[in-house]
Amino acid sequence: MKSLRNIFVSTDGKNLSENMYGTFKTVVNEDFSYIFKNRENKTTDIFWGVDDQATSLSSGQTISGLIKNANFYQFDGDHYFFLKISHKIENILTEKK
């Protein structure tokens, strides 16, 4: 049974106990749209990996659309794209100062 579970479980959840995986799924599936839409603090830049399998590109685009005045930047790469292109992100943020 456990090997069948591992076929369908995300990479982030493979090493979690059954109880912790249940909590993980609840958190991941929670809808935070109202928080993004009603955000009062200034959020101007959202960075996302095009090939992100943990949080889809469309999720990033949706979040960006909900936050007032947000700029959405997509980069080649997965969930950890920023590790390879931190200099590009730094340049974007520095140019805005």
C-alpha atoms as a PDB file:
ATOM      1  CA  MET A   1       0.000   0.000   0.000  1.00  0.00           C
ATOM      2  CA  LYS A   2       2.762   2.441   0.881  1.00  0.00           C
ATOM      3  CA  SER A   3       4.477   2.005  -2.511  1.00  0.00           C
ATOM      4  CA  LEU A   4       1.179   2.761  -4.285  1.00  0.00           C
ATOM      5  CA  ARG A   5       0.831   5.909  -2.158  1.00  0.00           C
ATOM      6  CA  ASN A   6       4.319   7.019  -3.208  1.00  0.00           C
ATOM      7  CA  ILE A   7       3.300   6.909  -6.864  1.00  0.00           C
ATOM      8  CA  PHE A   8       0.663   9.602  -6.311  1.00  0.00           C
ATOM      9  CA  VAL A   9       2.256  11.658  -3.521  1.00  0.00           C
ATOM     10  CA  SER A  10       4.125  14.848  -4.396  1.00  0.00           C
ATOM     11  CA  THR A  11       7.884  14.886  -3.853  1.00  0.00           C
ATOM     12  CA  ASP A  12       7.413  17.242  -0.900  1.00  0.00           C
ATOM     13  CA  GLY A  13       5.154  14.702   0.816  1.00  0.00           C
ATOM     14  CA  LYS A  14       6.885  11.383   0.133  1.00  0.00           C
ATOM     15  CA  ASN A  15       8.735  11.228   3.452  1.00  0.00           C
ATOM     16  CA  LEU A  16       5.828  12.402   5.600  1.00  0.00           C
ATOM     17  CA  SER A  17       3.870  10.110   7.891  1.00  0.00           C
ATOM     18  CA  GLU A  18       0.243   9.453   6.953  1.00  0.00           C
ATOM     19  CA  ASN A  19      -1.000  12.000   9.532  1.00  0.00           C
ATOM     20  CA  MET A  20       1.487  14.678   8.495  1.00  0.00           C
ATOM     21  CA  TYR A  21       0.652  14.097   4.834  1.00  0.00           C
ATOM     22  CA  GLY A  22      -3.028  14.696   5.645  1.00  0.00           C
ATOM     23  CA  THR A  23      -2.073  18.036   7.220  1.00  0.00           C
ATOM     24  CA  PHE A  24       0.165  18.848   4.241  1.00  0.00           C
ATOM     25  CA  LYS A  25      -2.705  18.250   1.794  1.00  0.00           C
ATOM     26  CA  THR A  26      -5.053  20.435   3.841  1.00  0.00           C
ATOM     27  CA  VAL A  27      -2.575  23.324   3.842  1.00  0.00           C
ATOM     28  CA  VAL A  28      -1.707  22.988   0.162  1.00  0.00           C
ATOM     29  CA  ASN A  29      -5.368  22.879  -0.870  1.00  0.00           C
ATOM     30  CA  GLU A  30      -6.428  25.862   1.229  1.00  0.00           C
ATOM     31  CA  ASP A  31      -7.737  28.837  -0.760  1.00  0.00           C
ATOM     32  CA  PHE A  32      -5.925  32.063   0.108  1.00  0.00           C
ATOM     33  CA  SER A  33      -7.523  34.149  -2.660  1.00  0.00           C
ATOM     34  CA  TYR A  34      -9.279  36.445  -0.202  1.00  0.00           C
ATOM     35  CA  ILE A  35      -5.945  37.212   1.496  1.00  0.00           C
ATOM     36  CA  PHE A  36      -4.230  38.109  -1.771  1.00  0.00           C
ATOM     37  CA  LYS A  37      -7.191  40.148  -2.970  1.00  0.00           C
ATOM     38  CA  ASN A  38      -7.474  42.127   0.269  1.00  0.00           C
ATOM     39  CA  ARG A  39      -3.754  42.583   0.846  1.00  0.00           C
ATOM     40  CA  GLU A  40      -3.043  46.022   2.260  1.00  0.00           C
ATOM     41  CA  ASN A  41       0.751  45.871   2.362  1.00  0.00           C
ATOM     42  CA  LYS A  42       2.595  46.847  -0.801  1.00  0.00           C
ATOM     43  CA  THR A  43       3.512  43.852  -2.954  1.00  0.00           C
ATOM     44  CA  THR A  44       5.007  44.817  -6.263  1.00  0.00           C
ATOM     45  CA  ASP A  45       7.002  41.852  -7.537  1.00  0.00           C
ATOM     46  CA  ILE A  46       6.155  38.178  -7.804  1.00  0.00           C
ATOM     47  CA  PHE A  47       8.722  35.784  -9.270  1.00  0.00           C
ATOM     48  CA  TRP A  48       7.797  32.311 -10.569  1.00  0.00           C
ATOM     49  CA  GLY A  49       9.348  29.304 -12.293  1.00  0.00           C
ATOM     50  CA  VAL A  50       7.704  28.316 -15.575  1.00  0.00           C
ATOM     51  CA  ASP A  51       8.266  24.610 -14.947  1.00  0.00           C
ATOM     52  CA  ASP A  52       7.244  24.657 -11.275  1.00  0.00           C
ATOM     53  CA  GLN A  53       5.525  21.335 -10.566  1.00  0.00           C
ATOM     54  CA  ALA A  54       4.816  22.118  -6.892  1.00  0.00           C
ATOM     55  CA  THR A  55       2.960  25.374  -7.567  1.00  0.00           C
ATOM     56  CA  SER A  56       1.870  25.825 -11.163  1.00  0.00           C
ATOM     57  CA  LEU A  57       2.607  28.867 -13.285  1.00  0.00           C
ATOM     58  CA  SER A  58      -1.126  29.505 -13.526  1.00  0.00           C
ATOM     59  CA  SER A  59      -1.258  29.699  -9.708  1.00  0.00           C
ATOM     60  CA  GLY A  60       1.376  32.427  -9.775  1.00  0.00           C
ATOM     61  CA  GLN A  61      -0.488  34.286 -12.497  1.00  0.00           C
ATOM     62  CA  THR A  62      -3.710  34.049 -10.499  1.00  0.00           C
ATOM     63  CA  ILE A  63      -2.042  35.340  -7.335  1.00  0.00           C
ATOM     64  CA  SER A  64      -0.487  38.192  -9.276  1.00  0.00           C
ATOM     65  CA  GLY A  65      -3.863  39.096 -10.737  1.00  0.00           C
ATOM     66  CA  LEU A  66      -5.437  39.239  -7.288  1.00  0.00           C
ATOM     67  CA  ILE A  67      -2.801  41.538  -5.759  1.00  0.00           C
ATOM     68  CA  LYS A  68      -3.181  45.202  -6.655  1.00  0.00           C
ATOM     69  CA  ASN A  69      -0.296  46.642  -8.697  1.00  0.00           C
ATOM     70  CA  ALA A  70       1.743  43.430  -8.655  1.00  0.00           C
ATOM     71  CA  ASN A  71       4.357  42.794 -11.356  1.00  0.00           C
ATOM     72  CA  PHE A  72       4.659  39.161 -12.397  1.00  0.00           C
ATOM     73  CA  TYR A  73       7.999  37.776 -13.598  1.00  0.00           C
ATOM     74  CA  GLN A  74       8.333  34.255 -14.906  1.00  0.00           C
ATOM     75  CA  PHE A  75      11.652  32.529 -15.388  1.00  0.00           C
ATOM     76  CA  ASP A  76      12.800  29.229 -16.843  1.00  0.00           C
ATOM     77  CA  GLY A  77      13.090  26.669 -14.094  1.00  0.00           C
ATOM     78  CA  ASP A  78      11.197  24.718 -11.475  1.00  0.00           C
ATOM     79  CA  HIS A  79      10.091  25.455  -7.905  1.00  0.00           C
ATOM     80  CA  TYR A  80      13.668  26.431  -7.009  1.00  0.00           C
ATOM     81  CA  PHE A  81      14.405  28.523 -10.129  1.00  0.00           C
ATOM     82  CA  PHE A  82      15.579  31.436  -7.973  1.00  0.00           C
ATOM     83  CA  LEU A  83      18.671  29.540  -6.829  1.00  0.00           C
ATOM     84  CA  LYS A  84      20.079  29.744 -10.355  1.00  0.00           C
ATOM     85  CA  ILE A  85      18.987  33.266 -11.259  1.00  0.00           C
ATOM     86  CA  SER A  86      19.232  35.207  -8.017  1.00  0.00           C
ATOM     87  CA  HIS A  87      21.396  37.800  -9.790  1.00  0.00           C
ATOM     88  CA  LYS A  88      18.545  38.561 -12.232  1.00  0.00           C
ATOM     89  CA  ILE A  89      16.085  39.006  -9.386  1.00  0.00           C
ATOM     90  CA  GLU A  90      18.570  41.212  -7.557  1.00  0.00           C
ATOM     91  CA  ASN A  91      18.963  43.384 -10.676  1.00  0.00           C
ATOM     92  CA  ILE A  92      15.194  43.806 -11.033  1.00  0.00           C
ATOM     93  CA  LEU A  93      14.821  44.807  -7.399  1.00  0.00           C
ATOM     94  CA  THR A  94      17.852  47.099  -7.456  1.00  0.00           C
ATOM     95  CA  GLU A  95      16.673  48.941 -10.587  1.00  0.00           C
ATOM     96  CA  LYS A  96      13.381  49.740  -8.861  1.00  0.00           C
ATOM     97  CA  LYS A  97      15.003  51.613  -5.986  1.00  0.00           C
END
